[in-house]
Structures are given as structure tokens and as C-alpha cells.
């Protein structure tokens, strides 16, 4: 899981996404070296993205459309493990439970256009999750995209081309395609996802191809 630390104007760092529960100690240590984690902004509420937030115990924010899931079951109510073959469906169920730190106390919400830190603004990209957000910085075109797209096949752990998030964990696959196109329309220079490797060249074209391919 990828977590991003963004320098705050007043010192310390804002953390975008919170990884898995077992990352809490390492994240706290990394944050201390940068003046401390002042707050968390969740890219979305899934267990592998909210996991360390309860243990870190700092103010935590998300999009309004993901607040109930962040404070509840982490989106489990729309996961469909029948989309996965045995035994992987069972294995991933166990892993998600292990990664999850449980419900998060959400301090407040962020919405489209809000500036978060270091010049990054919120872009709402629903589909994989109803309140999934990216952070986009216009001056250099860098996008932090959580699970708007995958560059990792969750069934095999193989890295590869950008792809639509897997249907087993996605509320609205067609919405996810639309959000990938919305992200492409920003013309990002680089797109850093929630798992595996970033897109750093021909980003818009890669996203458009992935949205069309599925």
C-alpha cells in the first residue's frame, strides 16, 4: 500500500491514505522525522487505506460520500468476493480483515476543489468507492490517485499496465471508468496510485486506454 506525506505550511505533514493497520508504527516514525503527522486525508475508506488511522489518532478527513464507510465497515457491504476464484477469494478476505484497523473517527470532510496541503487540491473520482478522491497539483501536474486505477493485478500480484479497479471491490465499474477519463482530462504528468508503481509517461493516454479496455 502506498501512503503519501505532504508538507504542511505550519510544520509537520499531512498523510494521504493510511495504509494497513500493521503500517502504523512505521508511518508514525516517518512522520516524526518530518515534524509529526498533523492530520490524515483518506483517499477512500477501504480497509487497506484506512487501516493505520485509528492507531495514529490524529484528525482524519475524507469525502462526505465515504464518511459512513470510514466510520463503519470500510465498504465491505458492497464487496463481492464471488467475482474472485477459490482460494483467492478466501485468502483476500483474511488479508483485508488483517489490514483493517477498524472504524475511524472522521473529524471533517473534504470536497472537490478543496486545497489540502503542498498545493494539492481534491478531485472527486467516484466509482471504486463512492467518495474516492485524488489529490492533484496543477503547477507540476502530479496526481496522487489512491485506487482510481490499478497497476497491479490483485489476483496475481503482477505489476503491469493501468487497469480499471477489480469488480470485486468496486461499487460502480462504469463510474470508475468515467473517473479514469476525468483524471486523464486533467493532463497529469504523473499519477501515483494506492498500490504498486506510478504512471510517469503518456499518463492521459494510458488512462484512456485502460478505461476503454476494462
Foldseek 3Di string as FASTA:
>chain_A
DDKDWFAAPVWFTEIEFDAFCVCQVVVQVVRVVRRGHQEYEYLAQAQRGCHNVVVSPHAYEFAPQRLCLLQAVSQPVQFALVLDDPPVSVVVVVVSVRRGNHHHDHPYYFDAQDDDHPQWGWDAQAWLGRGRIWTAHLVQQEIEGEPLWDQADSRPRDGHATAQPDSRRTNHSLSSLVSLQVSLVSVGQKYHYNDDDIDHPPSSVSSNVRSVVD
